[in-house]
């Protein structure tokens, strides 16, 4: 199964690095990003490893917990797409739908 990282998740990872750089500990941000990406590699073989995101309760939206972050991803037919990387305490919200 292919593993892809959406632009939104790449921006989240950059934000993590920038935050720790601002705190004068850039190596911590770099280490988090490397560890998160390494953790996500296992989704290629085990796309069901994460749990369904409780806030959404949709079978195709899962998350891995990489404390203190939540890695939200979509399970699709032939790929897993990492869509967001957020702090664990952040409440997720579904985007508004047009009616």
PDB file of N, CA and C in Angstrom:
ATOM      1  N   UNK A   1       0.853  -1.177   0.000  1.00  0.00           N
ATOM      2  CA  UNK A   1       0.000   0.000   0.000  1.00  0.00           C
ATOM      3  C   UNK A   1       0.900   1.242   0.000  1.00  0.00           C
ATOM      4  N   UNK A   2       0.512   2.219  -0.801  1.00  0.00           N
ATOM      5  CA  UNK A   2       1.299   3.453  -0.896  1.00  0.00           C
ATOM      6  C   UNK A   2       0.976   4.382   0.274  1.00  0.00           C
ATOM      7  N   UNK A   3       1.993   5.058   0.772  1.00  0.00           N
ATOM      8  CA  UNK A   3       1.833   6.044   1.843  1.00  0.00           C
ATOM      9  C   UNK A   3       2.117   7.416   1.252  1.00  0.00           C
ATOM     10  N   UNK A   4       1.151   8.324   1.403  1.00  0.00           N
ATOM     11  CA  UNK A   4       1.294   9.670   0.867  1.00  0.00           C
ATOM     12  C   UNK A   4       1.047  10.675   1.983  1.00  0.00           C
ATOM     13  N   UNK A   5       1.699  11.817   1.889  1.00  0.00           N
ATOM     14  CA  UNK A   5       1.526  12.871   2.884  1.00  0.00           C
ATOM     15  C   UNK A   5       0.916  14.075   2.186  1.00  0.00           C
ATOM     16  N   UNK A   6      -0.265  14.484   2.629  1.00  0.00           N
ATOM     17  CA  UNK A   6      -0.952  15.633   2.055  1.00  0.00           C
ATOM     18  C   UNK A   6      -0.221  16.924   2.429  1.00  0.00           C
ATOM     19  N   UNK A   7      -0.424  17.953   1.628  1.00  0.00           N
ATOM     20  CA  UNK A   7       0.196  19.251   1.882  1.00  0.00           C
ATOM     21  C   UNK A   7      -0.149  19.761   3.278  1.00  0.00           C
ATOM     22  N   UNK A   8      -1.372  19.547   3.719  1.00  0.00           N
ATOM     23  CA  UNK A   8      -1.788  20.003   5.052  1.00  0.00           C
ATOM     24  C   UNK A   8      -0.939  19.362   6.149  1.00  0.00           C
ATOM     25  N   UNK A   9      -0.627  18.078   6.001  1.00  0.00           N
ATOM     26  CA  UNK A   9       0.203  17.389   6.985  1.00  0.00           C
ATOM     27  C   UNK A   9       1.650  17.861   6.913  1.00  0.00           C
ATOM     28  N   UNK A  10       2.151  18.114   5.699  1.00  0.00           N
ATOM     29  CA  UNK A  10       3.508  18.656   5.562  1.00  0.00           C
ATOM     30  C   UNK A  10       3.615  20.004   6.264  1.00  0.00           C
ATOM     31  N   UNK A  11       2.593  20.826   6.110  1.00  0.00           N
ATOM     32  CA  UNK A  11       2.586  22.133   6.782  1.00  0.00           C
ATOM     33  C   UNK A  11       2.538  21.963   8.292  1.00  0.00           C
ATOM     34  N   UNK A  12       1.774  20.980   8.775  1.00  0.00           N
ATOM     35  CA  UNK A  12       1.731  20.703  10.216  1.00  0.00           C
ATOM     36  C   UNK A  12       3.114  20.310  10.730  1.00  0.00           C
ATOM     37  N   UNK A  13       3.806  19.464   9.986  1.00  0.00           N
ATOM     38  CA  UNK A  13       5.148  19.033  10.396  1.00  0.00           C
ATOM     39  C   UNK A  13       6.120  20.215  10.405  1.00  0.00           C
ATOM     40  N   UNK A  14       6.000  21.097   9.429  1.00  0.00           N
ATOM     41  CA  UNK A  14       6.844  22.297   9.397  1.00  0.00           C
ATOM     42  C   UNK A  14       6.545  23.195  10.593  1.00  0.00           C
ATOM     43  N   UNK A  15       5.266  23.300  10.958  1.00  0.00           N
ATOM     44  CA  UNK A  15       4.875  24.107  12.110  1.00  0.00           C
ATOM     45  C   UNK A  15       5.485  23.548  13.391  1.00  0.00           C
ATOM     46  N   UNK A  16       5.510  22.228  13.506  1.00  0.00           N
ATOM     47  CA  UNK A  16       6.130  21.587  14.675  1.00  0.00           C
ATOM     48  C   UNK A  16       7.607  21.970  14.741  1.00  0.00           C
ATOM     49  N   UNK A  17       8.293  21.856  13.612  1.00  0.00           N
ATOM     50  CA  UNK A  17       9.714  22.213  13.587  1.00  0.00           C
ATOM     51  C   UNK A  17       9.921  23.694  13.922  1.00  0.00           C
ATOM     52  N   UNK A  18       9.092  24.553  13.371  1.00  0.00           N
ATOM     53  CA  UNK A  18       9.228  25.990  13.627  1.00  0.00           C
ATOM     54  C   UNK A  18       8.996  26.320  15.097  1.00  0.00           C
ATOM     55  N   UNK A  19       8.014  25.666  15.703  1.00  0.00           N
ATOM     56  CA  UNK A  19       7.722  25.913  17.120  1.00  0.00           C
ATOM     57  C   UNK A  19       8.946  25.607  17.986  1.00  0.00           C
ATOM     58  N   UNK A  20       9.530  24.444  17.788  1.00  0.00           N
ATOM     59  CA  UNK A  20      10.680  24.065  18.607  1.00  0.00           C
ATOM     60  C   UNK A  20      11.914  24.903  18.268  1.00  0.00           C
ATOM     61  N   UNK A  21      12.017  25.353  17.044  1.00  0.00           N
ATOM     62  CA  UNK A  21      13.104  26.257  16.675  1.00  0.00           C
ATOM     63  C   UNK A  21      12.960  27.579  17.426  1.00  0.00           C
ATOM     64  N   UNK A  22      11.725  28.089  17.517  1.00  0.00           N
ATOM     65  CA  UNK A  22      11.460  29.318  18.264  1.00  0.00           C
ATOM     66  C   UNK A  22      11.763  29.151  19.754  1.00  0.00           C
ATOM     67  N   UNK A  23      11.638  27.918  20.249  1.00  0.00           N
ATOM     68  CA  UNK A  23      11.924  27.633  21.659  1.00  0.00           C
ATOM     69  C   UNK A  23      13.416  27.359  21.891  1.00  0.00           C
ATOM     70  N   UNK A  24      14.222  27.562  20.860  1.00  0.00           N
ATOM     71  CA  UNK A  24      15.674  27.342  20.908  1.00  0.00           C
ATOM     72  C   UNK A  24      16.075  25.885  21.140  1.00  0.00           C
ATOM     73  N   UNK A  25      15.195  24.971  20.730  1.00  0.00           N
ATOM     74  CA  UNK A  25      15.517  23.541  20.800  1.00  0.00           C
ATOM     75  C   UNK A  25      15.109  22.874  19.473  1.00  0.00           C
ATOM     76  N   UNK A  26      15.726  23.326  18.370  1.00  0.00           N
ATOM     77  CA  UNK A  26      15.308  22.811  17.051  1.00  0.00           C
ATOM     78  C   UNK A  26      15.476  21.303  16.914  1.00  0.00           C
ATOM     79  N   UNK A  27      16.441  20.727  17.627  1.00  0.00           N
ATOM     80  CA  UNK A  27      16.650  19.283  17.519  1.00  0.00           C
ATOM     81  C   UNK A  27      15.427  18.493  18.003  1.00  0.00           C
ATOM     82  N   UNK A  28      14.684  19.043  18.956  1.00  0.00           N
ATOM     83  CA  UNK A  28      13.491  18.345  19.445  1.00  0.00           C
ATOM     84  C   UNK A  28      12.432  18.291  18.348  1.00  0.00           C
ATOM     85  N   UNK A  29      12.210  19.398  17.655  1.00  0.00           N
ATOM     86  CA  UNK A  29      11.264  19.411  16.544  1.00  0.00           C
ATOM     87  C   UNK A  29      11.680  18.457  15.448  1.00  0.00           C
ATOM     88  N   UNK A  30      12.974  18.476  15.116  1.00  0.00           N
ATOM     89  CA  UNK A  30      13.483  17.564  14.081  1.00  0.00           C
ATOM     90  C   UNK A  30      13.290  16.107  14.497  1.00  0.00           C
ATOM     91  N   UNK A  31      13.553  15.816  15.775  1.00  0.00           N
ATOM     92  CA  UNK A  31      13.392  14.450  16.272  1.00  0.00           C
ATOM     93  C   UNK A  31      11.936  14.004  16.240  1.00  0.00           C
ATOM     94  N   UNK A  32      11.019  14.913  16.638  1.00  0.00           N
ATOM     95  CA  UNK A  32       9.589  14.582  16.584  1.00  0.00           C
ATOM     96  C   UNK A  32       9.160  14.261  15.156  1.00  0.00           C
ATOM     97  N   UNK A  33       9.521  15.131  14.226  1.00  0.00           N
ATOM     98  CA  UNK A  33       9.106  14.933  12.837  1.00  0.00           C
ATOM     99  C   UNK A  33       9.659  13.606  12.297  1.00  0.00           C
ATOM    100  N   UNK A  34      10.925  13.332  12.544  1.00  0.00           N
ATOM    101  CA  UNK A  34      11.527  12.072  12.081  1.00  0.00           C
ATOM    102  C   UNK A  34      10.821  10.871  12.707  1.00  0.00           C
ATOM    103  N   UNK A  35      10.535  10.943  13.995  1.00  0.00           N
ATOM    104  CA  UNK A  35       9.889   9.826  14.686  1.00  0.00           C
ATOM    105  C   UNK A  35       8.450   9.628  14.202  1.00  0.00           C
ATOM    106  N   UNK A  36       7.735  10.717  13.965  1.00  0.00           N
ATOM    107  CA  UNK A  36       6.363  10.619  13.460  1.00  0.00           C
ATOM    108  C   UNK A  36       6.355   9.950  12.085  1.00  0.00           C
ATOM    109  N   UNK A  37       7.244  10.405  11.213  1.00  0.00           N
ATOM    110  CA  UNK A  37       7.293   9.824   9.868  1.00  0.00           C
ATOM    111  C   UNK A  37       7.670   8.340   9.912  1.00  0.00           C
ATOM    112  N   UNK A  38       8.614   8.003  10.766  1.00  0.00           N
ATOM    113  CA  UNK A  38       9.016   6.602  10.904  1.00  0.00           C
ATOM    114  C   UNK A  38       7.851   5.754  11.423  1.00  0.00           C
ATOM    115  N   UNK A  39       7.122   6.294  12.414  1.00  0.00           N
ATOM    116  CA  UNK A  39       5.968   5.591  12.975  1.00  0.00           C
ATOM    117  C   UNK A  39       4.920   5.341  11.886  1.00  0.00           C
ATOM    118  N   UNK A  40       4.711   6.326  11.021  1.00  0.00           N
ATOM    119  CA  UNK A  40       3.693   6.226   9.969  1.00  0.00           C
ATOM    120  C   UNK A  40       4.041   5.215   8.882  1.00  0.00           C
ATOM    121  N   UNK A  41       5.305   4.887   8.719  1.00  0.00           N
ATOM    122  CA  UNK A  41       5.712   3.930   7.685  1.00  0.00           C
ATOM    123  C   UNK A  41       5.021   2.584   7.841  1.00  0.00           C
ATOM    124  N   UNK A  42       4.712   2.215   9.087  1.00  0.00           N
ATOM    125  CA  UNK A  42       4.069   0.926   9.319  1.00  0.00           C
ATOM    126  C   UNK A  42       2.662   0.861   8.735  1.00  0.00           C
ATOM    127  N   UNK A  43       2.081   2.018   8.398  1.00  0.00           N
ATOM    128  CA  UNK A  43       0.744   2.034   7.804  1.00  0.00           C
ATOM    129  C   UNK A  43       0.729   1.413   6.414  1.00  0.00           C
ATOM    130  N   UNK A  44       1.891   1.349   5.775  1.00  0.00           N
ATOM    131  CA  UNK A  44       1.964   0.709   4.456  1.00  0.00           C
ATOM    132  C   UNK A  44       1.583  -0.766   4.548  1.00  0.00           C
ATOM    133  N   UNK A  45       1.972  -1.407   5.620  1.00  0.00           N
ATOM    134  CA  UNK A  45       1.658  -2.825   5.823  1.00  0.00           C
ATOM    135  C   UNK A  45       0.424  -3.042   6.695  1.00  0.00           C
ATOM    136  N   UNK A  46       0.141  -2.063   7.569  1.00  0.00           N
ATOM    137  CA  UNK A  46      -0.952  -2.208   8.532  1.00  0.00           C
ATOM    138  C   UNK A  46      -1.825  -0.950   8.545  1.00  0.00           C
ATOM    139  N   UNK A  47      -2.571  -0.703   7.476  1.00  0.00           N
ATOM    140  CA  UNK A  47      -3.358   0.526   7.392  1.00  0.00           C
ATOM    141  C   UNK A  47      -4.480   0.629   8.423  1.00  0.00           C
ATOM    142  N   UNK A  48      -4.830  -0.500   9.047  1.00  0.00           N
ATOM    143  CA  UNK A  48      -5.872  -0.487  10.074  1.00  0.00           C
ATOM    144  C   UNK A  48      -5.302  -0.378  11.486  1.00  0.00           C
ATOM    145  N   UNK A  49      -4.033  -0.081  11.592  1.00  0.00           N
ATOM    146  CA  UNK A  49      -3.384  -0.047  12.900  1.00  0.00           C
ATOM    147  C   UNK A  49      -3.954   1.045  13.799  1.00  0.00           C
ATOM    148  N   UNK A  50      -4.294   2.158  13.222  1.00  0.00           N
ATOM    149  CA  UNK A  50      -4.826   3.257  14.019  1.00  0.00           C
ATOM    150  C   UNK A  50      -6.301   3.064  14.321  1.00  0.00           C
ATOM    151  N   UNK A  51      -6.779   3.869  15.255  1.00  0.00           N
ATOM    152  CA  UNK A  51      -8.193   3.792  15.603  1.00  0.00           C
ATOM    153  C   UNK A  51      -9.000   4.779  14.751  1.00  0.00           C
ATOM    154  N   UNK A  52     -10.293   4.534  14.662  1.00  0.00           N
ATOM    155  CA  UNK A  52     -11.185   5.481  14.015  1.00  0.00           C
ATOM    156  C   UNK A  52     -11.169   6.757  14.856  1.00  0.00           C
ATOM    157  N   UNK A  53     -11.080   7.913  14.203  1.00  0.00           N
ATOM    158  CA  UNK A  53     -11.060   9.186  14.933  1.00  0.00           C
ATOM    159  C   UNK A  53     -12.418   9.359  15.605  1.00  0.00           C
ATOM    160  N   UNK A  54     -12.446   9.422  16.953  1.00  0.00           N
ATOM    161  CA  UNK A  54     -13.725   9.467  17.672  1.00  0.00           C
ATOM    162  C   UNK A  54     -14.614  10.654  17.284  1.00  0.00           C
ATOM    163  N   UNK A  55     -14.012  11.798  17.017  1.00  0.00           N
ATOM    164  CA  UNK A  55     -14.808  12.982  16.693  1.00  0.00           C
ATOM    165  C   UNK A  55     -15.566  12.835  15.374  1.00  0.00           C
ATOM    166  N   UNK A  56     -15.027  12.024  14.464  1.00  0.00           N
ATOM    167  CA  UNK A  56     -15.647  11.862  13.148  1.00  0.00           C
ATOM    168  C   UNK A  56     -16.487  10.592  13.056  1.00  0.00           C
ATOM    169  N   UNK A  57     -15.984   9.511  13.677  1.00  0.00           N
ATOM    170  CA  UNK A  57     -16.640   8.208  13.653  1.00  0.00           C
ATOM    171  C   UNK A  57     -16.936   7.731  12.223  1.00  0.00           C
ATOM    172  N   UNK A  58     -15.950   7.931  11.349  1.00  0.00           N
ATOM    173  CA  UNK A  58     -16.046   7.471   9.967  1.00  0.00           C
ATOM    174  C   UNK A  58     -14.993   6.389   9.748  1.00  0.00           C
ATOM    175  N   UNK A  59     -15.395   5.289   9.136  1.00  0.00           N
ATOM    176  CA  UNK A  59     -14.510   4.133   8.989  1.00  0.00           C
ATOM    177  C   UNK A  59     -13.220   4.412   8.232  1.00  0.00           C
ATOM    178  N   UNK A  60     -13.207   5.395   7.372  1.00  0.00           N
ATOM    179  CA  UNK A  60     -12.017   5.633   6.546  1.00  0.00           C
ATOM    180  C   UNK A  60     -11.085   6.706   7.114  1.00  0.00           C
ATOM    181  N   UNK A  61     -11.449   7.337   8.235  1.00  0.00           N
ATOM    182  CA  UNK A  61     -10.587   8.352   8.851  1.00  0.00           C
ATOM    183  C   UNK A  61     -10.064   7.790  10.174  1.00  0.00           C
ATOM    184  N   UNK A  62      -8.770   7.516  10.196  1.00  0.00           N
ATOM    185  CA  UNK A  62      -8.125   6.916  11.362  1.00  0.00           C
ATOM    186  C   UNK A  62      -7.051   7.851  11.914  1.00  0.00           C
ATOM    187  N   UNK A  63      -6.534   7.462  13.069  1.00  0.00           N
ATOM    188  CA  UNK A  63      -5.434   8.222  13.646  1.00  0.00           C
ATOM    189  C   UNK A  63      -4.473   7.289  14.364  1.00  0.00           C
ATOM    190  N   UNK A  64      -3.218   7.716  14.329  1.00  0.00           N
ATOM    191  CA  UNK A  64      -2.184   7.107  15.167  1.00  0.00           C
ATOM    192  C   UNK A  64      -1.855   8.131  16.229  1.00  0.00           C
ATOM    193  N   UNK A  65      -1.635   7.676  17.427  1.00  0.00           N
ATOM    194  CA  UNK A  65      -1.198   8.576  18.486  1.00  0.00           C
ATOM    195  C   UNK A  65       0.318   8.462  18.582  1.00  0.00           C
ATOM    196  N   UNK A  66       0.969   9.588  18.431  1.00  0.00           N
ATOM    197  CA  UNK A  66       2.415   9.681  18.637  1.00  0.00           C
ATOM    198  C   UNK A  66       2.583  10.838  19.626  1.00  0.00           C
ATOM    199  N   UNK A  67       2.473  10.500  20.884  1.00  0.00           N
ATOM    200  CA  UNK A  67       2.417  11.493  21.953  1.00  0.00           C
ATOM    201  C   UNK A  67       3.502  12.544  21.812  1.00  0.00           C
ATOM    202  N   UNK A  68       3.164  13.825  21.865  1.00  0.00           N
ATOM    203  CA  UNK A  68       1.853  14.428  22.137  1.00  0.00           C
ATOM    204  C   UNK A  68       1.065  14.781  20.873  1.00  0.00           C
ATOM    205  N   UNK A  69       1.230  14.016  19.815  1.00  0.00           N
ATOM    206  CA  UNK A  69       0.575  14.352  18.551  1.00  0.00           C
ATOM    207  C   UNK A  69      -0.391  13.263  18.102  1.00  0.00           C
ATOM    208  N   UNK A  70      -1.380  13.699  17.317  1.00  0.00           N
ATOM    209  CA  UNK A  70      -2.330  12.811  16.652  1.00  0.00           C
ATOM    210  C   UNK A  70      -2.033  12.898  15.154  1.00  0.00           C
ATOM    211  N   UNK A  71      -1.829  11.758  14.540  1.00  0.00           N
ATOM    212  CA  UNK A  71      -1.586  11.701  13.102  1.00  0.00           C
ATOM    213  C   UNK A  71      -2.872  11.178  12.469  1.00  0.00           C
ATOM    214  N   UNK A  72      -3.583  12.052  11.771  1.00  0.00           N
ATOM    215  CA  UNK A  72      -4.867  11.695  11.180  1.00  0.00           C
ATOM    216  C   UNK A  72      -4.631  11.291   9.723  1.00  0.00           C
ATOM    217  N   UNK A  73      -5.208  10.157   9.340  1.00  0.00           N
ATOM    218  CA  UNK A  73      -4.990   9.677   7.976  1.00  0.00           C
ATOM    219  C   UNK A  73      -6.247   9.055   7.391  1.00  0.00           C
ATOM    220  N   UNK A  74      -6.296   9.065   6.070  1.00  0.00           N
ATOM    221  CA  UNK A  74      -7.387   8.449   5.326  1.00  0.00           C
ATOM    222  C   UNK A  74      -6.932   7.091   4.817  1.00  0.00           C
ATOM    223  N   UNK A  75      -7.757   6.091   4.998  1.00  0.00           N
ATOM    224  CA  UNK A  75      -7.519   4.777   4.414  1.00  0.00           C
ATOM    225  C   UNK A  75      -8.287   4.740   3.103  1.00  0.00           C
ATOM    226  N   UNK A  76      -7.581   4.531   2.017  1.00  0.00           N
ATOM    227  CA  UNK A  76      -8.227   4.427   0.721  1.00  0.00           C
ATOM    228  C   UNK A  76      -7.859   3.085   0.104  1.00  0.00           C
ATOM    229  N   UNK A  77      -8.425   2.796  -1.046  1.00  0.00           N
ATOM    230  CA  UNK A  77      -8.254   1.470  -1.655  1.00  0.00           C
ATOM    231  C   UNK A  77      -6.796   1.039  -1.771  1.00  0.00           C
ATOM    232  N   UNK A  78      -5.940   1.904  -2.329  1.00  0.00           N
ATOM    233  CA  UNK A  78      -4.554   1.505  -2.575  1.00  0.00           C
ATOM    234  C   UNK A  78      -3.536   2.411  -1.913  1.00  0.00           C
ATOM    235  N   UNK A  79      -4.022   3.315  -1.073  1.00  0.00           N
ATOM    236  CA  UNK A  79      -3.083   4.218  -0.406  1.00  0.00           C
ATOM    237  C   UNK A  79      -3.609   4.670   0.944  1.00  0.00           C
ATOM    238  N   UNK A  80      -2.669   5.116   1.748  1.00  0.00           N
ATOM    239  CA  UNK A  80      -2.963   5.767   3.023  1.00  0.00           C
ATOM    240  C   UNK A  80      -2.449   7.188   2.870  1.00  0.00           C
ATOM    241  N   UNK A  81      -3.299   8.159   3.203  1.00  0.00           N
ATOM    242  CA  UNK A  81      -2.916   9.556   3.060  1.00  0.00           C
ATOM    243  C   UNK A  81      -2.927  10.209   4.435  1.00  0.00           C
ATOM    244  N   UNK A  82      -1.758  10.634   4.881  1.00  0.00           N
ATOM    245  CA  UNK A  82      -1.665  11.375   6.142  1.00  0.00           C
ATOM    246  C   UNK A  82      -2.175  12.779   5.847  1.00  0.00           C
ATOM    247  N   UNK A  83      -3.214  13.206   6.589  1.00  0.00           N
ATOM    248  CA  UNK A  83      -3.820  14.501   6.278  1.00  0.00           C
ATOM    249  C   UNK A  83      -3.547  15.582   7.319  1.00  0.00           C
ATOM    250  N   UNK A  84      -3.327  15.208   8.574  1.00  0.00           N
ATOM    251  CA  UNK A  84      -3.039  16.216   9.601  1.00  0.00           C
ATOM    252  C   UNK A  84      -2.152  15.616  10.675  1.00  0.00           C
ATOM    253  N   UNK A  85      -1.378  16.477  11.317  1.00  0.00           N
ATOM    254  CA  UNK A  85      -0.582  16.094  12.485  1.00  0.00           C
ATOM    255  C   UNK A  85      -0.812  17.203  13.510  1.00  0.00           C
ATOM    256  N   UNK A  86      -1.588  16.873  14.536  1.00  0.00           N
ATOM    257  CA  UNK A  86      -1.993  17.871  15.524  1.00  0.00           C
ATOM    258  C   UNK A  86      -1.610  17.454  16.929  1.00  0.00           C
ATOM    259  N   UNK A  87      -1.526  18.438  17.799  1.00  0.00           N
ATOM    260  CA  UNK A  87      -1.329  18.158  19.223  1.00  0.00           C
ATOM    261  C   UNK A  87      -2.493  17.306  19.714  1.00  0.00           C
ATOM    262  N   UNK A  88      -2.234  16.369  20.596  1.00  0.00           N
ATOM    263  CA  UNK A  88      -3.249  15.425  21.067  1.00  0.00           C
ATOM    264  C   UNK A  88      -4.431  16.102  21.745  1.00  0.00           C
ATOM    265  N   UNK A  89      -4.187  17.209  22.411  1.00  0.00           N
ATOM    266  CA  UNK A  89      -5.286  17.848  23.137  1.00  0.00           C
ATOM    267  C   UNK A  89      -6.203  18.673  22.236  1.00  0.00           C
ATOM    268  N   UNK A  90      -5.848  18.833  20.994  1.00  0.00           N
ATOM    269  CA  UNK A  90      -6.650  19.625  20.070  1.00  0.00           C
ATOM    270  C   UNK A  90      -7.909  18.863  19.662  1.00  0.00           C
ATOM    271  N   UNK A  91      -9.048  19.516  19.786  1.00  0.00           N
ATOM    272  CA  UNK A  91     -10.320  18.925  19.376  1.00  0.00           C
ATOM    273  C   UNK A  91     -10.445  19.039  17.860  1.00  0.00           C
ATOM    274  N   UNK A  92     -10.764  17.950  17.214  1.00  0.00           N
ATOM    275  CA  UNK A  92     -10.922  17.954  15.760  1.00  0.00           C
ATOM    276  C   UNK A  92     -12.354  18.322  15.408  1.00  0.00           C
ATOM    277  N   UNK A  93     -12.504  18.970  14.272  1.00  0.00           N
ATOM    278  CA  UNK A  93     -13.844  19.328  13.810  1.00  0.00           C
ATOM    279  C   UNK A  93     -13.984  18.947  12.346  1.00  0.00           C
ATOM    280  N   UNK A  94     -15.165  18.485  11.980  1.00  0.00           N
ATOM    281  CA  UNK A  94     -15.457  18.212  10.585  1.00  0.00           C
ATOM    282  C   UNK A  94     -15.620  19.537   9.859  1.00  0.00           C
ATOM    283  N   UNK A  95     -15.151  19.618   8.623  1.00  0.00           N
ATOM    284  CA  UNK A  95     -15.347  20.844   7.870  1.00  0.00           C
ATOM    285  C   UNK A  95     -16.833  21.069   7.599  1.00  0.00           C
ATOM    286  N   UNK A  96     -17.233  22.322   7.505  1.00  0.00           N
ATOM    287  CA  UNK A  96     -18.633  22.641   7.221  1.00  0.00           C
ATOM    288  C   UNK A  96     -18.979  22.146   5.823  1.00  0.00           C
ATOM    289  N   UNK A  97     -20.191  21.643   5.675  1.00  0.00           N
ATOM    290  CA  UNK A  97     -20.638  21.192   4.365  1.00  0.00           C
ATOM    291  C   UNK A  97     -21.620  22.193   3.794  1.00  0.00           C
ATOM    292  N   UNK A  98     -21.594  22.337   2.503  1.00  0.00           N
ATOM    293  CA  UNK A  98     -22.504  23.270   1.838  1.00  0.00           C
ATOM    294  C   UNK A  98     -23.843  22.591   1.643  1.00  0.00           C
ATOM    295  N   UNK A  99     -24.916  23.356   1.823  1.00  0.00           N
ATOM    296  CA  UNK A  99     -26.262  22.784   1.635  1.00  0.00           C
ATOM    297  C   UNK A  99     -26.983  23.516   0.537  1.00  0.00           C
TER     298      UNK A  99
END
